[in-house]
Amino acid sequence: MSADEKTILIVDDEPDMCWALEHILETNGFSARKALSGQEALTLLTQHSPASLFLDAKLPDMEGLELARRIQKLLPGLHIVMVSGYFYRDDVEIQQALATGIISGFIAKPFRRDEILDALEKNPAPRQESVP
């Protein structure tokens, strides 16, 4: 399964936040899929390989950073941007996650449209699937 460069997965338990991100992405030529929980995100990731993922820090079934760790094991190198009203960019947990590559970026809520689009521009080259 190869990454679709135009598909972005949104993982947030707030439908209004999903709608806002989806609207920004789709009006800028991207396709968005959404998941309202960590488990729903993991299920979607077994079926689709998005280019990037916007991830809330607090989900009903697991912490966002724990989900990011699981996703990196499933799809190493996936561009994950944490979008949070709970953490700040300078929080130790966020700095460690950025330094170790668990997440690729961080955006604080409330966010601006340009922050979302800028985060996508910083997406490294699409992942290459390993061939056994």
N, C-alpha and C. Protein backbone atom coordinates (compact mmCIF):
# COMPACT_ATOMS: atom_id res chain seq x y z
N MET A 1 0.87 -1.17 0.00
CA MET A 1 0.00 0.00 0.00
C MET A 1 0.91 1.23 0.00
N SER A 2 0.81 2.08 -1.01
CA SER A 2 1.63 3.28 -1.07
C SER A 2 0.84 4.48 -0.56
N ALA A 3 1.58 5.48 -0.10
CA ALA A 3 0.94 6.68 0.45
C ALA A 3 0.28 7.49 -0.66
N ASP A 4 -0.90 7.98 -0.39
CA ASP A 4 -1.61 8.87 -1.29
C ASP A 4 -1.21 10.28 -0.89
N GLU A 5 -0.45 10.98 -1.73
CA GLU A 5 0.10 12.29 -1.40
C GLU A 5 -0.96 13.35 -1.11
N LYS A 6 -2.18 13.12 -1.51
CA LYS A 6 -3.24 14.12 -1.31
C LYS A 6 -4.23 13.74 -0.22
N THR A 7 -4.06 12.58 0.40
CA THR A 7 -4.99 12.15 1.45
C THR A 7 -4.40 12.42 2.82
N ILE A 8 -5.19 13.09 3.65
CA ILE A 8 -4.79 13.45 5.00
C ILE A 8 -5.79 12.83 5.97
N LEU A 9 -5.28 12.21 7.04
CA LEU A 9 -6.15 11.66 8.07
C LEU A 9 -6.23 12.65 9.23
N ILE A 10 -7.44 12.95 9.66
CA ILE A 10 -7.71 13.82 10.81
C ILE A 10 -8.20 12.92 11.94
N VAL A 11 -7.53 13.01 13.10
CA VAL A 11 -7.94 12.21 14.26
C VAL A 11 -8.24 13.18 15.40
N ASP A 12 -9.52 13.37 15.67
CA ASP A 12 -9.97 14.28 16.72
C ASP A 12 -11.36 13.86 17.16
N ASP A 13 -11.61 13.89 18.46
CA ASP A 13 -12.92 13.46 18.96
C ASP A 13 -13.98 14.56 18.91
N GLU A 14 -13.59 15.76 18.47
CA GLU A 14 -14.54 16.86 18.35
C GLU A 14 -14.97 16.99 16.88
N PRO A 15 -16.23 16.67 16.57
CA PRO A 15 -16.69 16.77 15.18
C PRO A 15 -16.48 18.15 14.56
N ASP A 16 -16.65 19.21 15.34
CA ASP A 16 -16.45 20.57 14.80
C ASP A 16 -14.99 20.79 14.40
N MET A 17 -14.06 20.24 15.15
CA MET A 17 -12.64 20.37 14.81
C MET A 17 -12.33 19.58 13.55
N CYS A 18 -12.91 18.39 13.44
CA CYS A 18 -12.74 17.60 12.22
C CYS A 18 -13.27 18.37 11.01
N TRP A 19 -14.45 18.97 11.18
CA TRP A 19 -15.05 19.73 10.09
C TRP A 19 -14.13 20.89 9.67
N ALA A 20 -13.61 21.62 10.64
CA ALA A 20 -12.74 22.78 10.33
C ALA A 20 -11.50 22.33 9.57
N LEU A 21 -10.85 21.29 10.04
CA LEU A 21 -9.65 20.80 9.36
C LEU A 21 -10.00 20.26 7.97
N GLU A 22 -11.08 19.49 7.90
CA GLU A 22 -11.51 18.94 6.62
C GLU A 22 -11.80 20.05 5.61
N HIS A 23 -12.47 21.10 6.05
CA HIS A 23 -12.79 22.23 5.18
C HIS A 23 -11.51 22.90 4.66
N ILE A 24 -10.56 23.15 5.54
CA ILE A 24 -9.28 23.76 5.12
C ILE A 24 -8.59 22.88 4.09
N LEU A 25 -8.52 21.59 4.38
CA LEU A 25 -7.81 20.67 3.50
C LEU A 25 -8.50 20.53 2.14
N GLU A 26 -9.81 20.30 2.16
CA GLU A 26 -10.51 20.06 0.91
C GLU A 26 -10.59 21.29 0.02
N THR A 27 -10.63 22.49 0.60
CA THR A 27 -10.63 23.70 -0.23
C THR A 27 -9.24 24.02 -0.77
N ASN A 28 -8.26 23.24 -0.36
CA ASN A 28 -6.89 23.41 -0.86
C ASN A 28 -6.40 22.18 -1.61
N GLY A 29 -7.35 21.39 -2.13
CA GLY A 29 -7.00 20.30 -3.03
C GLY A 29 -6.65 18.97 -2.38
N PHE A 30 -6.84 18.84 -1.09
CA PHE A 30 -6.55 17.58 -0.41
C PHE A 30 -7.83 16.79 -0.19
N SER A 31 -7.67 15.53 0.04
CA SER A 31 -8.77 14.65 0.42
C SER A 31 -8.58 14.34 1.89
N ALA A 32 -9.66 14.41 2.66
CA ALA A 32 -9.54 14.17 4.10
C ALA A 32 -10.39 12.98 4.52
N ARG A 33 -9.82 12.20 5.40
CA ARG A 33 -10.55 11.14 6.08
C ARG A 33 -10.49 11.50 7.56
N LYS A 34 -11.48 11.07 8.32
CA LYS A 34 -11.47 11.43 9.73
C LYS A 34 -11.79 10.24 10.61
N ALA A 35 -11.22 10.30 11.81
CA ALA A 35 -11.46 9.29 12.83
C ALA A 35 -11.71 10.03 14.14
N LEU A 36 -12.70 9.56 14.90
CA LEU A 36 -13.05 10.22 16.16
C LEU A 36 -12.40 9.57 17.38
N SER A 37 -11.63 8.51 17.16
CA SER A 37 -10.95 7.83 18.27
C SER A 37 -9.64 7.23 17.77
N GLY A 38 -8.82 6.83 18.71
CA GLY A 38 -7.56 6.20 18.35
C GLY A 38 -7.77 4.88 17.65
N GLN A 39 -8.69 4.07 18.15
CA GLN A 39 -8.94 2.77 17.54
C GLN A 39 -9.49 2.92 16.13
N GLU A 40 -10.36 3.88 15.92
CA GLU A 40 -10.88 4.13 14.57
C GLU A 40 -9.74 4.55 13.63
N ALA A 41 -8.81 5.35 14.13
CA ALA A 41 -7.66 5.77 13.32
C ALA A 41 -6.81 4.57 12.93
N LEU A 42 -6.53 3.68 13.90
CA LEU A 42 -5.72 2.50 13.61
C LEU A 42 -6.40 1.61 12.57
N THR A 43 -7.71 1.48 12.67
CA THR A 43 -8.45 0.69 11.68
C THR A 43 -8.34 1.32 10.29
N LEU A 44 -8.54 2.62 10.19
CA LEU A 44 -8.42 3.31 8.90
C LEU A 44 -7.02 3.15 8.31
N LEU A 45 -6.01 3.19 9.17
CA LEU A 45 -4.63 3.10 8.69
C LEU A 45 -4.28 1.72 8.15
N THR A 46 -5.05 0.70 8.50
CA THR A 46 -4.82 -0.62 7.91
C THR A 46 -5.43 -0.70 6.51
N GLN A 47 -6.32 0.25 6.19
CA GLN A 47 -7.00 0.26 4.90
C GLN A 47 -6.46 1.32 3.95
N HIS A 48 -5.93 2.41 4.50
CA HIS A 48 -5.47 3.55 3.70
C HIS A 48 -4.11 4.00 4.21
N SER A 49 -3.32 4.56 3.33
CA SER A 49 -2.01 5.07 3.71
C SER A 49 -1.95 6.56 3.38
N PRO A 50 -2.33 7.41 4.33
CA PRO A 50 -2.34 8.85 4.06
C PRO A 50 -0.92 9.43 3.99
N ALA A 51 -0.82 10.60 3.39
CA ALA A 51 0.46 11.29 3.32
C ALA A 51 0.81 11.93 4.66
N SER A 52 -0.21 12.40 5.37
CA SER A 52 -0.02 13.09 6.64
C SER A 52 -1.20 12.81 7.55
N LEU A 53 -1.01 13.14 8.82
CA LEU A 53 -2.04 12.92 9.81
C LEU A 53 -2.04 14.08 10.80
N PHE A 54 -3.22 14.65 11.04
CA PHE A 54 -3.39 15.66 12.09
C PHE A 54 -4.01 14.95 13.28
N LEU A 55 -3.38 15.05 14.44
CA LEU A 55 -3.74 14.25 15.60
C LEU A 55 -3.98 15.10 16.83
N ASP A 56 -5.14 14.92 17.44
CA ASP A 56 -5.46 15.59 18.70
C ASP A 56 -4.68 14.92 19.83
N ALA A 57 -4.34 15.70 20.86
CA ALA A 57 -3.57 15.17 21.99
C ALA A 57 -4.40 14.30 22.91
N LYS A 58 -5.69 14.59 23.01
CA LYS A 58 -6.56 13.87 23.95
C LYS A 58 -7.71 13.25 23.18
N LEU A 59 -7.76 11.93 23.22
CA LEU A 59 -8.82 11.18 22.57
C LEU A 59 -9.56 10.37 23.63
N PRO A 60 -10.78 9.94 23.35
CA PRO A 60 -11.55 9.23 24.38
C PRO A 60 -10.95 7.89 24.79
N ASP A 61 -10.22 7.24 23.88
CA ASP A 61 -9.71 5.91 24.18
C ASP A 61 -8.21 5.81 24.39
N MET A 62 -7.45 6.87 24.08
CA MET A 62 -6.01 6.86 24.32
C MET A 62 -5.43 8.25 24.15
N GLU A 63 -4.25 8.43 24.69
CA GLU A 63 -3.54 9.70 24.54
C GLU A 63 -3.00 9.81 23.11
N GLY A 64 -2.98 11.02 22.59
CA GLY A 64 -2.50 11.25 21.23
C GLY A 64 -1.06 10.81 21.02
N LEU A 65 -0.19 11.07 22.00
CA LEU A 65 1.22 10.68 21.83
C LEU A 65 1.38 9.16 21.82
N GLU A 66 0.56 8.46 22.61
CA GLU A 66 0.60 6.99 22.58
C GLU A 66 0.13 6.50 21.20
N LEU A 67 -0.91 7.11 20.67
CA LEU A 67 -1.37 6.73 19.34
C LEU A 67 -0.29 7.02 18.30
N ALA A 68 0.38 8.16 18.41
CA ALA A 68 1.46 8.49 17.47
C ALA A 68 2.56 7.43 17.52
N ARG A 69 2.91 6.95 18.71
CA ARG A 69 3.92 5.89 18.83
C ARG A 69 3.46 4.62 18.11
N ARG A 70 2.20 4.26 18.32
CA ARG A 70 1.66 3.06 17.66
C ARG A 70 1.66 3.22 16.14
N ILE A 71 1.27 4.40 15.69
CA ILE A 71 1.22 4.65 14.25
C ILE A 71 2.61 4.59 13.65
N GLN A 72 3.61 5.13 14.34
CA GLN A 72 4.97 5.11 13.81
C GLN A 72 5.50 3.68 13.70
N LYS A 73 5.02 2.78 14.56
CA LYS A 73 5.41 1.36 14.43
C LYS A 73 4.71 0.73 13.22
N LEU A 74 3.46 1.11 13.00
CA LEU A 74 2.67 0.59 11.89
C LEU A 74 3.13 1.16 10.54
N LEU A 75 3.36 2.48 10.51
CA LEU A 75 3.76 3.20 9.29
C LEU A 75 4.94 4.11 9.61
N PRO A 76 6.14 3.55 9.73
CA PRO A 76 7.31 4.36 10.10
C PRO A 76 7.49 5.56 9.17
N GLY A 77 7.75 6.69 9.77
CA GLY A 77 8.02 7.90 9.00
C GLY A 77 6.79 8.69 8.58
N LEU A 78 5.60 8.24 8.98
CA LEU A 78 4.40 9.00 8.63
C LEU A 78 4.48 10.40 9.24
N HIS A 79 4.14 11.39 8.45
CA HIS A 79 4.15 12.79 8.87
C HIS A 79 2.95 13.04 9.78
N ILE A 80 3.21 13.13 11.09
CA ILE A 80 2.15 13.33 12.08
C ILE A 80 2.30 14.70 12.71
N VAL A 81 1.25 15.49 12.64
CA VAL A 81 1.24 16.82 13.26
C VAL A 81 0.24 16.78 14.41
N MET A 82 0.72 17.04 15.62
CA MET A 82 -0.15 17.10 16.78
C MET A 82 -0.82 18.46 16.79
N VAL A 83 -2.15 18.45 16.96
CA VAL A 83 -2.95 19.67 17.04
C VAL A 83 -3.61 19.63 18.42
N SER A 84 -3.25 20.58 19.28
CA SER A 84 -3.67 20.44 20.67
C SER A 84 -4.02 21.75 21.35
N GLY A 85 -5.05 21.70 22.16
CA GLY A 85 -5.38 22.79 23.06
C GLY A 85 -4.92 22.46 24.47
N TYR A 86 -4.37 21.27 24.64
CA TYR A 86 -3.92 20.79 25.94
C TYR A 86 -2.44 21.07 26.17
N PHE A 87 -1.62 20.78 25.17
CA PHE A 87 -0.17 21.00 25.26
C PHE A 87 0.22 22.34 24.65
N TYR A 88 1.41 22.78 24.98
CA TYR A 88 2.07 23.91 24.33
C TYR A 88 3.28 23.37 23.60
N ARG A 89 3.77 24.12 22.62
CA ARG A 89 4.94 23.68 21.85
C ARG A 89 6.15 23.43 22.74
N ASP A 90 6.30 24.21 23.80
CA ASP A 90 7.49 24.07 24.65
C ASP A 90 7.33 23.06 25.79
N ASP A 91 6.21 22.35 25.85
CA ASP A 91 6.05 21.29 26.84
C ASP A 91 7.10 20.21 26.60
N VAL A 92 7.64 19.68 27.68
CA VAL A 92 8.70 18.67 27.59
C VAL A 92 8.26 17.47 26.75
N GLU A 93 7.05 16.98 26.96
CA GLU A 93 6.56 15.82 26.20
C GLU A 93 6.53 16.09 24.70
N ILE A 94 6.12 17.29 24.33
CA ILE A 94 6.06 17.65 22.91
C ILE A 94 7.46 17.79 22.35
N GLN A 95 8.34 18.43 23.07
CA GLN A 95 9.72 18.58 22.61
C GLN A 95 10.40 17.22 22.42
N GLN A 96 10.16 16.30 23.35
CA GLN A 96 10.73 14.96 23.22
C GLN A 96 10.14 14.22 22.02
N ALA A 97 8.82 14.35 21.82
CA ALA A 97 8.17 13.68 20.69
C ALA A 97 8.69 14.23 19.36
N LEU A 98 8.92 15.53 19.30
CA LEU A 98 9.49 16.13 18.09
C LEU A 98 10.93 15.67 17.87
N ALA A 99 11.72 15.67 18.94
CA ALA A 99 13.13 15.30 18.85
C ALA A 99 13.32 13.84 18.43
N THR A 100 12.44 12.97 18.88
CA THR A 100 12.57 11.55 18.57
C THR A 100 11.81 11.12 17.31
N GLY A 101 11.09 12.05 16.70
CA GLY A 101 10.38 11.75 15.46
C GLY A 101 9.04 11.07 15.66
N ILE A 102 8.53 11.04 16.89
CA ILE A 102 7.20 10.48 17.12
C ILE A 102 6.17 11.35 16.39
N ILE A 103 6.35 12.66 16.47
CA ILE A 103 5.54 13.60 15.70
C ILE A 103 6.47 14.47 14.87
N SER A 104 5.95 14.98 13.76
CA SER A 104 6.74 15.82 12.86
C SER A 104 6.52 17.30 13.08
N GLY A 105 5.40 17.62 13.73
CA GLY A 105 5.08 19.03 13.95
C GLY A 105 4.06 19.18 15.05
N PHE A 106 3.85 20.43 15.45
CA PHE A 106 2.90 20.74 16.51
C PHE A 106 2.20 22.05 16.17
N ILE A 107 0.87 22.07 16.35
CA ILE A 107 0.08 23.28 16.16
C ILE A 107 -0.85 23.41 17.36
N ALA A 108 -0.87 24.59 17.98
CA ALA A 108 -1.75 24.83 19.12
C ALA A 108 -3.13 25.23 18.63
N LYS A 109 -4.15 24.76 19.38
CA LYS A 109 -5.53 25.20 19.14
C LYS A 109 -5.76 26.45 19.95
N PRO A 110 -6.49 27.42 19.49
CA PRO A 110 -7.03 27.51 18.13
C PRO A 110 -5.91 27.79 17.13
N PHE A 111 -6.09 27.31 15.92
CA PHE A 111 -5.08 27.47 14.89
C PHE A 111 -5.60 28.36 13.77
N ARG A 112 -4.67 28.77 12.93
CA ARG A 112 -5.02 29.54 11.74
C ARG A 112 -4.89 28.63 10.51
N ARG A 113 -5.64 28.92 9.49
CA ARG A 113 -5.62 28.16 8.25
C ARG A 113 -4.20 27.99 7.72
N ASP A 114 -3.42 29.06 7.72
CA ASP A 114 -2.07 29.00 7.17
C ASP A 114 -1.16 28.07 7.98
N GLU A 115 -1.41 27.90 9.27
CA GLU A 115 -0.61 26.97 10.07
C GLU A 115 -0.81 25.53 9.60
N ILE A 116 -2.05 25.20 9.25
CA ILE A 116 -2.36 23.86 8.77
C ILE A 116 -1.67 23.62 7.43
N LEU A 117 -1.80 24.56 6.52
CA LEU A 117 -1.19 24.41 5.20
C LEU A 117 0.33 24.42 5.28
N ASP A 118 0.90 25.24 6.14
CA ASP A 118 2.36 25.26 6.32
C ASP A 118 2.86 23.92 6.83
N ALA A 119 2.10 23.30 7.73
CA ALA A 119 2.51 22.00 8.27
C ALA A 119 2.58 20.95 7.16
N LEU A 120 1.68 21.04 6.19
CA LEU A 120 1.70 20.09 5.08
C LEU A 120 2.86 20.34 4.14
N GLU A 121 3.25 21.59 3.98
CA GLU A 121 4.40 21.91 3.13
C GLU A 121 5.69 21.37 3.72
N LYS A 122 5.72 21.20 5.03
CA LYS A 122 6.92 20.68 5.70
C LYS A 122 6.97 19.16 5.70
N ASN A 123 5.97 18.54 5.06
CA ASN A 123 5.93 17.09 4.97
C ASN A 123 7.11 16.61 4.14
N PRO A 124 7.91 15.70 4.70
CA PRO A 124 9.02 15.17 3.92
C PRO A 124 8.49 14.35 2.74
N ALA A 125 9.39 13.93 1.89
CA ALA A 125 9.00 13.14 0.72
C ALA A 125 8.16 11.95 1.15
N PRO A 126 7.19 11.56 0.32
CA PRO A 126 6.36 10.41 0.66
C PRO A 126 7.19 9.19 1.04
N ARG A 127 6.68 8.41 1.99
CA ARG A 127 7.36 7.21 2.46
C ARG A 127 7.47 6.21 1.32
N GLN A 128 8.55 5.51 1.30
CA GLN A 128 8.71 4.41 0.37
C GLN A 128 8.39 3.13 1.13
N GLU A 129 7.52 2.35 0.58
CA GLU A 129 7.18 1.08 1.23
C GLU A 129 8.36 0.13 1.07
N SER A 130 8.67 -0.57 2.13
CA SER A 130 9.79 -1.52 2.04
C SER A 130 9.33 -2.76 1.28
N VAL A 131 10.23 -3.29 0.49
CA VAL A 131 9.95 -4.48 -0.29
C VAL A 131 10.73 -5.63 0.34
N PRO A 132 10.03 -6.71 0.73
CA PRO A 132 10.74 -7.83 1.39
C PRO A 132 11.69 -8.53 0.45
